[in-house]
N, C-alpha and C. Protein backbone atom coordinates (compact mmCIF):
# COMPACT_ATOMS: atom_id res chain seq x y z
N MET A 1 0.44 -1.20 -0.08
CA MET A 1 0.22 -0.03 -0.08
C MET A 1 0.84 1.57 -0.33
N SER A 2 0.57 1.93 -0.41
CA SER A 2 1.61 3.60 -1.08
C SER A 2 1.16 4.28 0.31
N ASP A 3 2.12 5.10 0.74
CA ASP A 3 2.23 6.02 2.23
C ASP A 3 1.00 6.51 1.68
N LEU A 4 1.11 7.35 0.70
CA LEU A 4 -0.10 8.32 0.24
C LEU A 4 -1.57 7.65 0.58
N HIS A 5 -1.81 6.56 0.21
CA HIS A 5 -3.28 6.15 0.02
C HIS A 5 -3.08 5.69 2.22
N LYS A 6 -2.23 5.25 2.17
CA LYS A 6 -1.90 5.02 4.15
C LYS A 6 -1.97 6.30 4.60
N ASN A 7 -1.72 7.34 4.59
CA ASN A 7 -1.99 8.32 5.48
C ASN A 7 -3.15 9.30 4.97
N LYS A 8 -3.51 8.76 3.67
CA LYS A 8 -4.89 9.37 3.56
C LYS A 8 -6.34 8.52 4.20
N CYS A 9 -5.82 7.21 4.49
CA CYS A 9 -7.01 6.37 5.30
C CYS A 9 -6.83 6.96 7.22
N ASN A 10 -5.92 6.91 7.49
CA ASN A 10 -5.14 7.85 8.68
C ASN A 10 -6.33 8.61 9.12
N GLU A 11 -6.13 9.70 7.83
CA GLU A 11 -6.34 11.01 8.53
C GLU A 11 -7.73 11.25 8.25
N LEU A 12 -8.28 10.51 7.16
CA LEU A 12 -9.84 10.57 7.01
C LEU A 12 -10.62 9.75 8.87
N ARG A 13 -10.07 8.60 8.96
CA ARG A 13 -9.97 8.23 10.61
C ARG A 13 -9.84 8.92 11.24
N ASP A 14 -9.11 9.71 11.67
CA ASP A 14 -9.26 10.72 12.69
C ASP A 14 -9.87 11.98 12.41
N GLN A 15 -10.34 11.45 11.09
CA GLN A 15 -11.47 13.39 11.44
C GLN A 15 -12.60 12.70 11.47
N LEU A 16 -13.44 11.48 11.06
CA LEU A 16 -14.56 11.18 11.34
C LEU A 16 -14.51 10.80 12.88
N HIS A 17 -13.40 10.39 13.47
CA HIS A 17 -13.46 10.14 15.16
C HIS A 17 -13.80 11.86 15.85
N GLN A 18 -13.54 12.38 15.28
CA GLN A 18 -13.19 13.19 16.14
C GLN A 18 -14.98 14.27 15.65
N HIS A 19 -15.79 14.10 14.46
CA HIS A 19 -16.66 14.51 14.13
C HIS A 19 -17.76 13.79 14.85
N VAL A 20 -17.48 12.51 15.04
CA VAL A 20 -18.83 12.09 15.91
C VAL A 20 -18.65 10.68 16.67
N GLN A 21 -18.00 11.73 17.94
CA GLN A 21 -17.82 11.04 19.34
C GLN A 21 -19.24 10.41 19.73
N GLY A 22 -20.16 11.08 19.40
CA GLY A 22 -21.46 10.80 19.99
C GLY A 22 -22.04 9.08 19.24
N SER A 23 -21.48 9.50 18.05
CA SER A 23 -21.98 7.65 17.60
C SER A 23 -21.47 6.85 17.05
N ASP A 24 -21.56 6.03 18.41
CA ASP A 24 -20.26 4.86 17.99
C ASP A 24 -20.67 3.89 17.89
N ASP A 25 -21.60 3.35 17.23
CA ASP A 25 -22.36 2.38 15.91
C ASP A 25 -21.89 2.77 14.39
N PHE A 26 -21.92 4.31 14.45
CA PHE A 26 -21.70 4.69 13.26
C PHE A 26 -20.26 4.73 12.97
N VAL A 27 -19.62 5.24 13.67
CA VAL A 27 -17.86 5.22 13.57
C VAL A 27 -17.42 3.84 13.13
N GLN A 28 -18.55 2.71 13.88
CA GLN A 28 -17.52 1.70 14.33
C GLN A 28 -17.29 0.99 12.66
N GLY A 29 -18.86 1.38 12.20
CA GLY A 29 -19.53 0.70 10.69
C GLY A 29 -18.48 1.88 10.21
N VAL A 30 -17.65 2.91 9.91
CA VAL A 30 -17.08 4.13 9.60
C VAL A 30 -15.96 3.26 9.23
N MET A 31 -15.18 2.45 10.12
CA MET A 31 -14.32 2.42 11.03
C MET A 31 -13.62 1.21 9.99
N SER A 32 -14.66 0.38 10.09
CA SER A 32 -14.72 -0.72 9.67
C SER A 32 -14.45 -1.06 7.93
N ALA A 33 -15.08 0.09 7.82
CA ALA A 33 -15.04 0.62 6.12
C ALA A 33 -13.72 0.85 5.70
N LEU A 34 -13.17 1.66 6.40
CA LEU A 34 -11.73 2.34 6.24
C LEU A 34 -10.98 1.35 6.40
N ASP A 35 -11.13 0.07 7.31
CA ASP A 35 -9.89 -0.76 7.50
C ASP A 35 -10.04 -1.59 6.55
N ALA A 36 -11.23 -2.02 5.29
CA ALA A 36 -11.20 -2.49 4.30
C ALA A 36 -10.16 -1.70 2.66
N LEU A 37 -10.81 -0.58 3.06
CA LEU A 37 -10.01 0.55 1.79
C LEU A 37 -8.73 0.23 2.58
N GLU A 38 -7.79 0.33 3.24
CA GLU A 38 -7.08 -0.31 4.07
C GLU A 38 -6.04 -1.74 2.86
N ARG A 39 -6.90 -2.59 3.04
CA ARG A 39 -6.75 -3.55 2.70
C ARG A 39 -7.16 -4.21 1.60
N GLU A 40 -7.53 -3.00 0.54
CA GLU A 40 -7.99 -3.56 -0.72
C GLU A 40 -6.68 -3.49 -1.83
N PRO A 41 -5.53 -2.84 -2.06
CA PRO A 41 -4.32 -2.49 -2.38
C PRO A 41 -4.20 -4.17 -1.76
N ILE A 42 -4.09 -4.85 -1.43
CA ILE A 42 -3.35 -5.79 -0.58
C ILE A 42 -3.82 -7.06 -1.45
N MET A 43 -5.12 -6.78 -1.23
CA MET A 43 -6.23 -7.91 -1.96
C MET A 43 -6.43 -8.06 -3.43
N LEU A 44 -5.89 -6.95 -4.02
CA LEU A 44 -6.11 -7.13 -5.59
C LEU A 44 -4.05 -6.98 -5.90
N ASP A 45 -3.37 -7.17 -5.42
CA ASP A 45 -1.89 -7.54 -5.21
C ASP A 45 -2.15 -9.20 -5.52
N ASN A 46 -2.88 -9.40 -3.90
CA ASN A 46 -3.05 -11.06 -4.59
C ASN A 46 -3.92 -11.75 -5.38
N MET A 47 -4.71 -11.07 -5.48
CA MET A 47 -5.51 -11.74 -6.52
C MET A 47 -5.08 -11.33 -7.94
N GLU A 48 -4.25 -11.06 -8.48
CA GLU A 48 -3.63 -11.04 -9.77
C GLU A 48 -2.08 -11.70 -9.01
N LYS A 49 -1.65 -11.63 -8.47
CA LYS A 49 -0.95 -13.33 -8.18
C LYS A 49 -1.54 -14.50 -8.55
N LEU A 50 -2.36 -15.04 -7.75
CA LEU A 50 -3.58 -16.00 -8.12
C LEU A 50 -3.88 -16.09 -9.27
N SER A 51 -4.17 -14.95 -10.14
CA SER A 51 -4.59 -15.54 -11.66
C SER A 51 -3.13 -15.54 -12.47
N GLN A 52 -1.63 -15.24 -11.86
CA GLN A 52 -0.64 -15.60 -12.84
C GLN A 52 -0.69 -16.94 -12.54
N GLU A 53 -0.69 -17.39 -11.28
CA GLU A 53 -0.74 -18.74 -11.29
C GLU A 53 -1.49 -19.30 -11.71
N ASN A 54 -2.54 -18.99 -12.05
CA ASN A 54 -3.76 -19.56 -11.94
C ASN A 54 -2.98 -19.96 -14.17
N ARG A 55 -3.21 -19.10 -14.60
CA ARG A 55 -2.90 -19.11 -15.92
C ARG A 55 -0.91 -19.63 -16.42
N ARG A 56 -0.54 -20.03 -15.21
CA ARG A 56 0.60 -20.90 -15.30
C ARG A 56 0.34 -22.24 -15.13
N LEU A 57 -0.62 -22.27 -14.37
CA LEU A 57 -1.01 -24.11 -13.96
C LEU A 57 -1.82 -24.79 -15.05
N LYS A 58 -2.98 -23.50 -16.27
CA LYS A 58 -3.40 -23.75 -17.00
C LYS A 58 -2.59 -24.42 -18.46
N GLN A 59 -1.38 -23.52 -18.19
CA GLN A 59 -0.38 -23.66 -19.37
C GLN A 59 0.34 -25.13 -19.14
N GLU A 60 0.70 -25.22 -17.87
CA GLU A 60 1.18 -26.51 -17.76
C GLU A 60 0.24 -27.42 -17.85
N ILE A 61 -1.45 -27.77 -17.45
CA ILE A 61 -1.96 -29.01 -18.21
C ILE A 61 -1.53 -29.46 -19.60
N VAL A 62 -2.18 -28.46 -20.40
CA VAL A 62 -2.23 -28.17 -21.61
C VAL A 62 -0.65 -28.96 -22.47
N ARG A 63 0.30 -28.58 -21.77
CA ARG A 63 1.67 -29.44 -22.24
C ARG A 63 2.15 -30.74 -21.59
N LEU A 64 1.13 -31.29 -20.47
CA LEU A 64 1.17 -32.20 -20.07
C LEU A 64 0.28 -33.15 -20.64
N ARG A 65 -1.06 -32.62 -21.03
CA ARG A 65 -1.59 -33.65 -21.96
C ARG A 65 -0.85 -33.65 -23.37
N ASP A 66 -0.42 -32.70 -23.76
CA ASP A 66 0.50 -32.80 -25.05
C ASP A 66 1.11 -33.92 -25.13
N ILE A 67 2.07 -33.90 -24.01
CA ILE A 67 3.55 -34.93 -24.27
C ILE A 67 2.12 -36.43 -23.90
N LEU A 68 1.54 -36.52 -22.96
CA LEU A 68 0.88 -37.57 -23.11
C LEU A 68 0.21 -38.49 -23.90
N HIS A 69 -0.56 -36.91 -24.61
CA HIS A 69 -0.89 -37.99 -25.83
C HIS A 69 0.19 -38.27 -27.33
N SER A 70 0.98 -37.60 -27.07
CA SER A 70 2.13 -37.49 -28.28
C SER A 70 2.95 -39.02 -27.75
N LYS A 71 2.65 -39.37 -26.57
CA LYS A 71 3.31 -40.63 -26.51
C LYS A 71 2.25 -42.04 -26.74
N ASP A 72 1.03 -41.37 -26.53
CA ASP A 72 -0.10 -42.87 -26.58
C ASP A 72 0.35 -42.84 -28.50
N GLU A 73 0.38 -42.10 -29.25
CA GLU A 73 0.07 -42.65 -29.97
C GLU A 73 1.55 -42.80 -31.02
N GLY A 74 3.27 -42.30 -29.91
CA GLY A 74 4.14 -42.96 -30.37
C GLY A 74 4.16 -44.68 -30.07
N SER A 75 3.86 -45.01 -29.05
CA SER A 75 3.74 -46.52 -28.68
C SER A 75 2.86 -47.67 -29.50
N MET A 76 1.83 -46.58 -30.27
CA MET A 76 0.79 -48.09 -31.18
C MET A 76 1.60 -48.27 -32.63
N SER A 77 1.05 -49.03 -33.04
CA SER A 77 1.94 -49.63 -33.96
C SER A 77 1.25 -48.86 -35.42
N SER A 78 1.61 -48.68 -36.46
CA SER A 78 1.38 -48.49 -37.78
C SER A 78 0.01 -48.94 -38.24
N LYS A 79 0.03 -49.87 -37.79
CA LYS A 79 -1.32 -50.58 -38.60
C LYS A 79 -2.84 -50.08 -37.91
N LEU A 80 -2.68 -50.18 -36.45
CA LEU A 80 -3.71 -49.83 -35.35
C LEU A 80 -3.45 -47.78 -35.31
N ARG A 81 -2.78 -47.72 -35.70
CA ARG A 81 -2.64 -46.00 -36.06
C ARG A 81 -3.91 -45.88 -37.03
N ASP A 82 -3.58 -46.45 -38.58
CA ASP A 82 -3.68 -46.42 -39.75
C ASP A 82 -5.35 -46.48 -39.79
N ALA A 83 -5.90 -47.51 -38.80
CA ALA A 83 -7.43 -47.73 -38.74
C ALA A 83 -8.17 -47.23 -37.94
N LEU A 84 -7.27 -46.40 -36.94
CA LEU A 84 -7.95 -45.39 -35.95
C LEU A 84 -8.48 -44.68 -37.08
N ARG A 85 -7.03 -43.86 -37.70
CA ARG A 85 -7.95 -42.95 -38.25
C ARG A 85 -8.66 -43.05 -39.71
N GLU A 86 -9.44 -44.05 -39.75
CA GLU A 86 -10.47 -44.77 -40.60
C GLU A 86 -12.06 -44.64 -40.10
C-alpha cells in the first residue's frame, strides 16, 4: 500500500472520529469500511498473483496433456494408427 493511500485513510479515520464522537455504531461501521479500504490494494495484489499462477497452471496442464497424447500415439503400431484414422 502506498504511503499516500495509508496516510489518507488514517487522516480520514482521525477526522471522522473527532466529528462523530457520540455515535459509536456509526463510527464503528465507518472504521470497518476504512479498514477494508486499507486492505484493498493488498487484496488486489494477491488476486493478481493468483490469476498469474492460474494461467501458468493451465498452460502446464496443456503441455502435459500434449506430452501424454504424443506418447500414446508413439506407442501404437502403424497398422493400429491407420485403423483408428479410418
